[in-house]
Every structure is written in structure tokens, then in C-alpha cells.
PDB file of N, CA and C in Angstrom:
ATOM      1  N   MET A   1       6.051  20.113 -14.695  1.00  0.00           N
ATOM      2  CA  MET A   1       6.002  20.751 -13.391  1.00  0.00           C
ATOM      3  C   MET A   1       4.703  20.423 -12.673  1.00  0.00           C
ATOM      4  N   THR A   2       3.599  20.422 -13.397  1.00  0.00           N
ATOM      5  CA  THR A   2       2.312  20.125 -12.791  1.00  0.00           C
ATOM      6  C   THR A   2       2.279  18.706 -12.229  1.00  0.00           C
ATOM      7  N   ALA A   3       2.856  17.742 -12.949  1.00  0.00           N
ATOM      8  CA  ALA A   3       2.882  16.358 -12.471  1.00  0.00           C
ATOM      9  C   ALA A   3       3.658  16.261 -11.165  1.00  0.00           C
ATOM     10  N   SER A   4       4.741  17.005 -11.055  1.00  0.00           N
ATOM     11  CA  SER A   4       5.542  16.993  -9.838  1.00  0.00           C
ATOM     12  C   SER A   4       4.743  17.530  -8.654  1.00  0.00           C
ATOM     13  N   ILE A   5       4.041  18.603  -8.862  1.00  0.00           N
ATOM     14  CA  ILE A   5       3.213  19.182  -7.804  1.00  0.00           C
ATOM     15  C   ILE A   5       2.095  18.212  -7.445  1.00  0.00           C
ATOM     16  N   GLU A   6       1.479  17.597  -8.453  1.00  0.00           N
ATOM     17  CA  GLU A   6       0.394  16.647  -8.212  1.00  0.00           C
ATOM     18  C   GLU A   6       0.884  15.468  -7.384  1.00  0.00           C
ATOM     19  N   LEU A   7       2.054  14.927  -7.681  1.00  0.00           N
ATOM     20  CA  LEU A   7       2.612  13.819  -6.915  1.00  0.00           C
ATOM     21  C   LEU A   7       2.886  14.216  -5.477  1.00  0.00           C
ATOM     22  N   LYS A   8       3.399  15.410  -5.262  1.00  0.00           N
ATOM     23  CA  LYS A   8       3.657  15.876  -3.908  1.00  0.00           C
ATOM     24  C   LYS A   8       2.369  15.963  -3.116  1.00  0.00           C
ATOM     25  N   GLN A   9       1.293  16.347  -3.753  1.00  0.00           N
ATOM     26  CA  GLN A   9       0.022  16.446  -3.062  1.00  0.00           C
ATOM     27  C   GLN A   9      -0.527  15.066  -2.731  1.00  0.00           C
ATOM     28  N   LYS A  10      -0.349  14.099  -3.612  1.00  0.00           N
ATOM     29  CA  LYS A  10      -0.859  12.758  -3.378  1.00  0.00           C
ATOM     30  C   LYS A  10      -0.025  12.020  -2.350  1.00  0.00           C
ATOM     31  N   TYR A  11       1.279  12.231  -2.358  1.00  0.00           N
ATOM     32  CA  TYR A  11       2.183  11.458  -1.523  1.00  0.00           C
ATOM     33  C   TYR A  11       3.000  12.359  -0.614  1.00  0.00           C
ATOM     34  N   ASP A  12       2.323  13.032   0.297  1.00  0.00           N
ATOM     35  CA  ASP A  12       3.051  13.870   1.240  1.00  0.00           C
ATOM     36  C   ASP A  12       3.809  12.979   2.226  1.00  0.00           C
ATOM     37  N   ALA A  13       4.615  13.562   3.056  1.00  0.00           N
ATOM     38  CA  ALA A  13       5.502  12.810   3.954  1.00  0.00           C
ATOM     39  C   ALA A  13       4.740  11.860   4.870  1.00  0.00           C
ATOM     40  N   THR A  14       3.589  12.276   5.354  1.00  0.00           N
ATOM     41  CA  THR A  14       2.810  11.419   6.243  1.00  0.00           C
ATOM     42  C   THR A  14       2.314  10.188   5.508  1.00  0.00           C
ATOM     43  N   LYS A  15       1.780  10.371   4.307  1.00  0.00           N
ATOM     44  CA  LYS A  15       1.287   9.236   3.529  1.00  0.00           C
ATOM     45  C   LYS A  15       2.417   8.275   3.182  1.00  0.00           C
ATOM     46  N   VAL A  16       3.561   8.821   2.817  1.00  0.00           N
ATOM     47  CA  VAL A  16       4.705   7.971   2.481  1.00  0.00           C
ATOM     48  C   VAL A  16       5.151   7.170   3.699  1.00  0.00           C
ATOM     49  N   ALA A  17       5.229   7.820   4.845  1.00  0.00           N
ATOM     50  CA  ALA A  17       5.666   7.136   6.063  1.00  0.00           C
ATOM     51  C   ALA A  17       4.699   6.027   6.459  1.00  0.00           C
ATOM     52  N   VAL A  18       3.405   6.312   6.411  1.00  0.00           N
ATOM     53  CA  VAL A  18       2.416   5.298   6.761  1.00  0.00           C
ATOM     54  C   VAL A  18       2.404   4.189   5.723  1.00  0.00           C
ATOM     55  N   GLY A  19       2.516   4.548   4.457  1.00  0.00           N
ATOM     56  CA  GLY A  19       2.569   3.540   3.400  1.00  0.00           C
ATOM     57  C   GLY A  19       3.781   2.638   3.540  1.00  0.00           C
ATOM     58  N   ARG A  20       4.905   3.214   3.862  1.00  0.00           N
ATOM     59  CA  ARG A  20       6.131   2.428   4.062  1.00  0.00           C
ATOM     60  C   ARG A  20       5.977   1.478   5.250  1.00  0.00           C
ATOM     61  N   GLN A  21       5.405   1.966   6.330  1.00  0.00           N
ATOM     62  CA  GLN A  21       5.194   1.119   7.509  1.00  0.00           C
ATOM     63  C   GLN A  21       4.220  -0.014   7.181  1.00  0.00           C
ATOM     64  N   ALA A  22       3.157   0.303   6.454  1.00  0.00           N
ATOM     65  CA  ALA A  22       2.195  -0.732   6.049  1.00  0.00           C
ATOM     66  C   ALA A  22       2.885  -1.786   5.198  1.00  0.00           C
ATOM     67  N   TRP A  23       3.682  -1.333   4.233  1.00  0.00           N
ATOM     68  CA  TRP A  23       4.406  -2.272   3.367  1.00  0.00           C
ATOM     69  C   TRP A  23       5.328  -3.155   4.192  1.00  0.00           C
ATOM     70  N   ASN A  24       6.091  -2.571   5.094  1.00  0.00           N
ATOM     71  CA  ASN A  24       7.005  -3.350   5.934  1.00  0.00           C
ATOM     72  C   ASN A  24       6.267  -4.410   6.739  1.00  0.00           C
ATOM     73  N   GLU A  25       5.126  -4.051   7.280  1.00  0.00           N
ATOM     74  CA  GLU A  25       4.376  -5.005   8.087  1.00  0.00           C
ATOM     75  C   GLU A  25       3.682  -6.060   7.231  1.00  0.00           C
ATOM     76  N   VAL A  26       3.232  -5.682   6.057  1.00  0.00           N
ATOM     77  CA  VAL A  26       2.585  -6.648   5.166  1.00  0.00           C
ATOM     78  C   VAL A  26       3.597  -7.690   4.690  1.00  0.00           C
ATOM     79  N   VAL A  27       4.775  -7.248   4.282  1.00  0.00           N
ATOM     80  CA  VAL A  27       5.744  -8.211   3.728  1.00  0.00           C
ATOM     81  C   VAL A  27       6.374  -9.098   4.781  1.00  0.00           C
ATOM     82  N   THR A  28       6.265  -8.745   6.057  1.00  0.00           N
ATOM     83  CA  THR A  28       6.798  -9.617   7.098  1.00  0.00           C
ATOM     84  C   THR A  28       5.722 -10.528   7.694  1.00  0.00           C
ATOM     85  N   ASP A  29       4.488 -10.340   7.264  1.00  0.00           N
ATOM     86  CA  ASP A  29       3.392 -11.193   7.737  1.00  0.00           C
ATOM     87  C   ASP A  29       3.407 -12.512   6.962  1.00  0.00           C
ATOM     88  N   ARG A  30       3.117 -13.611   7.646  1.00  0.00           N
ATOM     89  CA  ARG A  30       3.170 -14.925   7.011  1.00  0.00           C
ATOM     90  C   ARG A  30       2.197 -15.046   5.840  1.00  0.00           C
ATOM     91  N   ARG A  31       1.086 -14.301   5.862  1.00  0.00           N
ATOM     92  CA  ARG A  31       0.117 -14.354   4.758  1.00  0.00           C
ATOM     93  C   ARG A  31       0.720 -13.863   3.456  1.00  0.00           C
ATOM     94  N   PHE A  32       1.692 -12.970   3.564  1.00  0.00           N
ATOM     95  CA  PHE A  32       2.349 -12.430   2.379  1.00  0.00           C
ATOM     96  C   PHE A  32       3.217 -13.489   1.701  1.00  0.00           C
ATOM     97  N   LEU A  33       3.729 -14.417   2.489  1.00  0.00           N
ATOM     98  CA  LEU A  33       4.658 -15.412   1.969  1.00  0.00           C
ATOM     99  C   LEU A  33       3.975 -16.521   1.192  1.00  0.00           C
ATOM    100  N   VAL A  34       2.665 -16.656   1.337  1.00  0.00           N
ATOM    101  CA  VAL A  34       1.924 -17.662   0.588  1.00  0.00           C
ATOM    102  C   VAL A  34       1.855 -17.212  -0.864  1.00  0.00           C
ATOM    103  N   PRO A  35       2.257 -18.088  -1.795  1.00  0.00           N
ATOM    104  CA  PRO A  35       2.231 -17.694  -3.208  1.00  0.00           C
ATOM    105  C   PRO A  35       0.826 -17.257  -3.645  1.00  0.00           C
ATOM    106  N   LYS A  36       0.776 -16.139  -4.294  1.00  0.00           N
ATOM    107  CA  LYS A  36      -0.484 -15.581  -4.791  1.00  0.00           C
ATOM    108  C   LYS A  36      -0.263 -15.135  -6.231  1.00  0.00           C
ATOM    109  N   SER A  37      -1.355 -14.775  -6.877  1.00  0.00           N
ATOM    110  CA  SER A  37      -1.252 -14.301  -8.253  1.00  0.00           C
ATOM    111  C   SER A  37      -0.965 -12.801  -8.323  1.00  0.00           C
ATOM    112  N   VAL A  38      -0.870 -12.146  -7.179  1.00  0.00           N
ATOM    113  CA  VAL A  38      -0.575 -10.712  -7.139  1.00  0.00           C
ATOM    114  C   VAL A  38       0.929 -10.526  -6.924  1.00  0.00           C
ATOM    115  N   THR A  39       1.554  -9.730  -7.771  1.00  0.00           N
ATOM    116  CA  THR A  39       2.989  -9.499  -7.649  1.00  0.00           C
ATOM    117  C   THR A  39       3.283  -8.514  -6.527  1.00  0.00           C
ATOM    118  N   GLN A  40       4.531  -8.467  -6.110  1.00  0.00           N
ATOM    119  CA  GLN A  40       4.929  -7.495  -5.080  1.00  0.00           C
ATOM    120  C   GLN A  40       4.670  -6.078  -5.560  1.00  0.00           C
ATOM    121  N   LEU A  41       4.915  -5.827  -6.822  1.00  0.00           N
ATOM    122  CA  LEU A  41       4.669  -4.494  -7.373  1.00  0.00           C
ATOM    123  C   LEU A  41       3.189  -4.144  -7.281  1.00  0.00           C
ATOM    124  N   GLU A  42       2.321  -5.089  -7.607  1.00  0.00           N
ATOM    125  CA  GLU A  42       0.881  -4.827  -7.516  1.00  0.00           C
ATOM    126  C   GLU A  42       0.459  -4.552  -6.079  1.00  0.00           C
ATOM    127  N   LYS A  43       1.065  -5.261  -5.134  1.00  0.00           N
ATOM    128  CA  LYS A  43       0.751  -5.030  -3.722  1.00  0.00           C
ATOM    129  C   LYS A  43       1.197  -3.635  -3.296  1.00  0.00           C
ATOM    130  N   ALA A  44       2.415  -3.252  -3.704  1.00  0.00           N
ATOM    131  CA  ALA A  44       2.924  -1.921  -3.365  1.00  0.00           C
ATOM    132  C   ALA A  44       2.070  -0.836  -4.013  1.00  0.00           C
ATOM    133  N   GLU A  45       1.701  -1.029  -5.275  1.00  0.00           N
ATOM    134  CA  GLU A  45       0.855  -0.051  -5.954  1.00  0.00           C
ATOM    135  C   GLU A  45      -0.493   0.074  -5.260  1.00  0.00           C
ATOM    136  N   HIS A  46      -1.024  -1.044  -4.790  1.00  0.00           N
ATOM    137  CA  HIS A  46      -2.310  -1.009  -4.088  1.00  0.00           C
ATOM    138  C   HIS A  46      -2.201  -0.173  -2.816  1.00  0.00           C
ATOM    139  N   ILE A  47      -1.128  -0.377  -2.056  1.00  0.00           N
ATOM    140  CA  ILE A  47      -0.933   0.422  -0.836  1.00  0.00           C
ATOM    141  C   ILE A  47      -0.806   1.902  -1.187  1.00  0.00           C
ATOM    142  N   LEU A  48      -0.041   2.225  -2.224  1.00  0.00           N
ATOM    143  CA  LEU A  48       0.107   3.628  -2.638  1.00  0.00           C
ATOM    144  C   LEU A  48      -1.218   4.226  -3.094  1.00  0.00           C
ATOM    145  N   GLN A  49      -1.979   3.467  -3.867  1.00  0.00           N
ATOM    146  CA  GLN A  49      -3.275   3.971  -4.337  1.00  0.00           C
ATOM    147  C   GLN A  49      -4.224   4.202  -3.174  1.00  0.00           C
ATOM    148  N   THR A  50      -4.221   3.277  -2.227  1.00  0.00           N
ATOM    149  CA  THR A  50      -5.090   3.427  -1.062  1.00  0.00           C
ATOM    150  C   THR A  50      -4.675   4.653  -0.256  1.00  0.00           C
ATOM    151  N   ALA A  51      -3.366   4.828  -0.072  1.00  0.00           N
ATOM    152  CA  ALA A  51      -2.871   6.003   0.656  1.00  0.00           C
ATOM    153  C   ALA A  51      -3.196   7.287  -0.098  1.00  0.00           C
ATOM    154  N   SER A  52      -3.079   7.264  -1.419  1.00  0.00           N
ATOM    155  CA  SER A  52      -3.344   8.482  -2.189  1.00  0.00           C
ATOM    156  C   SER A  52      -4.818   8.851  -2.176  1.00  0.00           C
ATOM    157  N   SER A  53      -5.685   7.871  -1.858  1.00  0.00           N
ATOM    158  CA  SER A  53      -7.113   8.189  -1.762  1.00  0.00           C
ATOM    159  C   SER A  53      -7.461   8.811  -0.417  1.00  0.00           C
ATOM    160  N   GLY A  54      -6.437   8.964   0.447  1.00  0.00           N
ATOM    161  CA  GLY A  54      -6.648   9.651   1.715  1.00  0.00           C
ATOM    162  C   GLY A  54      -6.536   8.769   2.947  1.00  0.00           C
ATOM    163  N   VAL A  55      -6.364   7.468   2.760  1.00  0.00           N
ATOM    164  CA  VAL A  55      -6.253   6.572   3.912  1.00  0.00           C
ATOM    165  C   VAL A  55      -4.871   6.741   4.525  1.00  0.00           C
ATOM    166  N   ARG A  56      -4.832   7.082   5.804  1.00  0.00           N
ATOM    167  CA  ARG A  56      -3.561   7.254   6.511  1.00  0.00           C
ATOM    168  C   ARG A  56      -3.443   6.321   7.700  1.00  0.00           C
ATOM    169  N   ASP A  57      -4.506   5.608   7.980  1.00  0.00           N
ATOM    170  CA  ASP A  57      -4.510   4.694   9.111  1.00  0.00           C
ATOM    171  C   ASP A  57      -3.751   3.418   8.740  1.00  0.00           C
ATOM    172  N   LEU A  58      -2.735   3.091   9.515  1.00  0.00           N
ATOM    173  CA  LEU A  58      -1.883   1.940   9.236  1.00  0.00           C
ATOM    174  C   LEU A  58      -2.688   0.644   9.153  1.00  0.00           C
ATOM    175  N   ASP A  59      -3.573   0.426  10.097  1.00  0.00           N
ATOM    176  CA  ASP A  59      -4.361  -0.811  10.094  1.00  0.00           C
ATOM    177  C   ASP A  59      -5.272  -0.902   8.872  1.00  0.00           C
ATOM    178  N   ARG A  60      -5.847   0.205   8.458  1.00  0.00           N
ATOM    179  CA  ARG A  60      -6.694   0.195   7.256  1.00  0.00           C
ATOM    180  C   ARG A  60      -5.883  -0.095   6.012  1.00  0.00           C
ATOM    181  N   LEU A  61      -4.677   0.445   5.918  1.00  0.00           N
ATOM    182  CA  LEU A  61      -3.821   0.163   4.770  1.00  0.00           C
ATOM    183  C   LEU A  61      -3.445  -1.318   4.725  1.00  0.00           C
ATOM    184  N   LYS A  62      -3.079  -1.872   5.867  1.00  0.00           N
ATOM    185  CA  LYS A  62      -2.708  -3.286   5.925  1.00  0.00           C
ATOM    186  C   LYS A  62      -3.906  -4.173   5.600  1.00  0.00           C
ATOM    187  N   THR A  63      -5.062  -3.850   6.168  1.00  0.00           N
ATOM    188  CA  THR A  63      -6.264  -4.635   5.895  1.00  0.00           C
ATOM    189  C   THR A  63      -6.594  -4.618   4.414  1.00  0.00           C
ATOM    190  N   SER A  64      -6.484  -3.460   3.812  1.00  0.00           N
ATOM    191  CA  SER A  64      -6.750  -3.335   2.383  1.00  0.00           C
ATOM    192  C   SER A  64      -5.783  -4.194   1.565  1.00  0.00           C
ATOM    193  N   ALA A  65      -4.511  -4.199   1.951  1.00  0.00           N
ATOM    194  CA  ALA A  65      -3.518  -5.006   1.237  1.00  0.00           C
ATOM    195  C   ALA A  65      -3.826  -6.491   1.370  1.00  0.00           C
ATOM    196  N   PHE A  66      -4.202  -6.926   2.563  1.00  0.00           N
ATOM    197  CA  PHE A  66      -4.510  -8.338   2.750  1.00  0.00           C
ATOM    198  C   PHE A  66      -5.814  -8.724   2.055  1.00  0.00           C
ATOM    199  N   GLU A  67      -6.762  -7.811   1.957  1.00  0.00           N
ATOM    200  CA  GLU A  67      -7.984  -8.087   1.202  1.00  0.00           C
ATOM    201  C   GLU A  67      -7.648  -8.271  -0.267  1.00  0.00           C
ATOM    202  N   LYS A  68      -6.700  -7.482  -0.755  1.00  0.00           N
ATOM    203  CA  LYS A  68      -6.247  -7.631  -2.148  1.00  0.00           C
ATOM    204  C   LYS A  68      -5.616  -9.001  -2.339  1.00  0.00           C
ATOM    205  N   LEU A  69      -4.810  -9.447  -1.377  1.00  0.00           N
ATOM    206  CA  LEU A  69      -4.197 -10.766  -1.454  1.00  0.00           C
ATOM    207  C   LEU A  69      -5.261 -11.866  -1.454  1.00  0.00           C
ATOM    208  N   ASP A  70      -6.238 -11.730  -0.563  1.00  0.00           N
ATOM    209  CA  ASP A  70      -7.281 -12.744  -0.453  1.00  0.00           C
ATOM    210  C   ASP A  70      -8.120 -12.809  -1.727  1.00  0.00           C
ATOM    211  N   ALA A  71      -8.384 -11.660  -2.316  1.00  0.00           N
ATOM    212  CA  ALA A  71      -9.188 -11.613  -3.545  1.00  0.00           C
ATOM    213  C   ALA A  71      -8.462 -12.290  -4.704  1.00  0.00           C
ATOM    214  N   ALA A  72      -7.142 -12.254  -4.674  1.00  0.00           N
ATOM    215  CA  ALA A  72      -6.350 -12.844  -5.750  1.00  0.00           C
ATOM    216  C   ALA A  72      -6.221 -14.360  -5.596  1.00  0.00           C
ATOM    217  N   ALA A  73      -6.536 -14.862  -4.415  1.00  0.00           N
ATOM    218  CA  ALA A  73      -6.372 -16.308  -4.164  1.00  0.00           C
ATOM    219  C   ALA A  73      -7.425 -17.125  -4.887  1.00  0.00           C
TER     220      ALA A  73
END
């Protein structure tokens, strides 16, 4: 029960919506299509982790995801 409550606190509706929008925009960007050593799952986890740390700004989430891609290159 505690884990369920903890997840709800980390991923409230606003964070999920912004994270989903960030993911949609990242995967449709041409930079995402370039083969990298980071898997799609790792990219999604990075967006979720960034959102769970309190980032709700769409541009900051996308920038963070692309920085992760660049670091893996």
C-alpha cells in the first residue's frame, strides 16, 4: 500500500501529462532517430526520473532527454 501511495505522489496527473508530451515530442524529433547506445526504455525512464524530481516544464524535460542522448553518443 505504501508503494502505491508513493508512486501516486511521484507521478501525479500533471507530471504524467507533461512526461507523456515530452516523450511524444522527443520520439518524433530527428535526433531521436539517430542510433544511440541508449535504449527507448532508458530514455523513457530518464524522462520519468526527471519528472519525479519535480521538473514539470516541457522544454526542460525534452532538453534533459536530448542531453542524455548526446552523452550516450
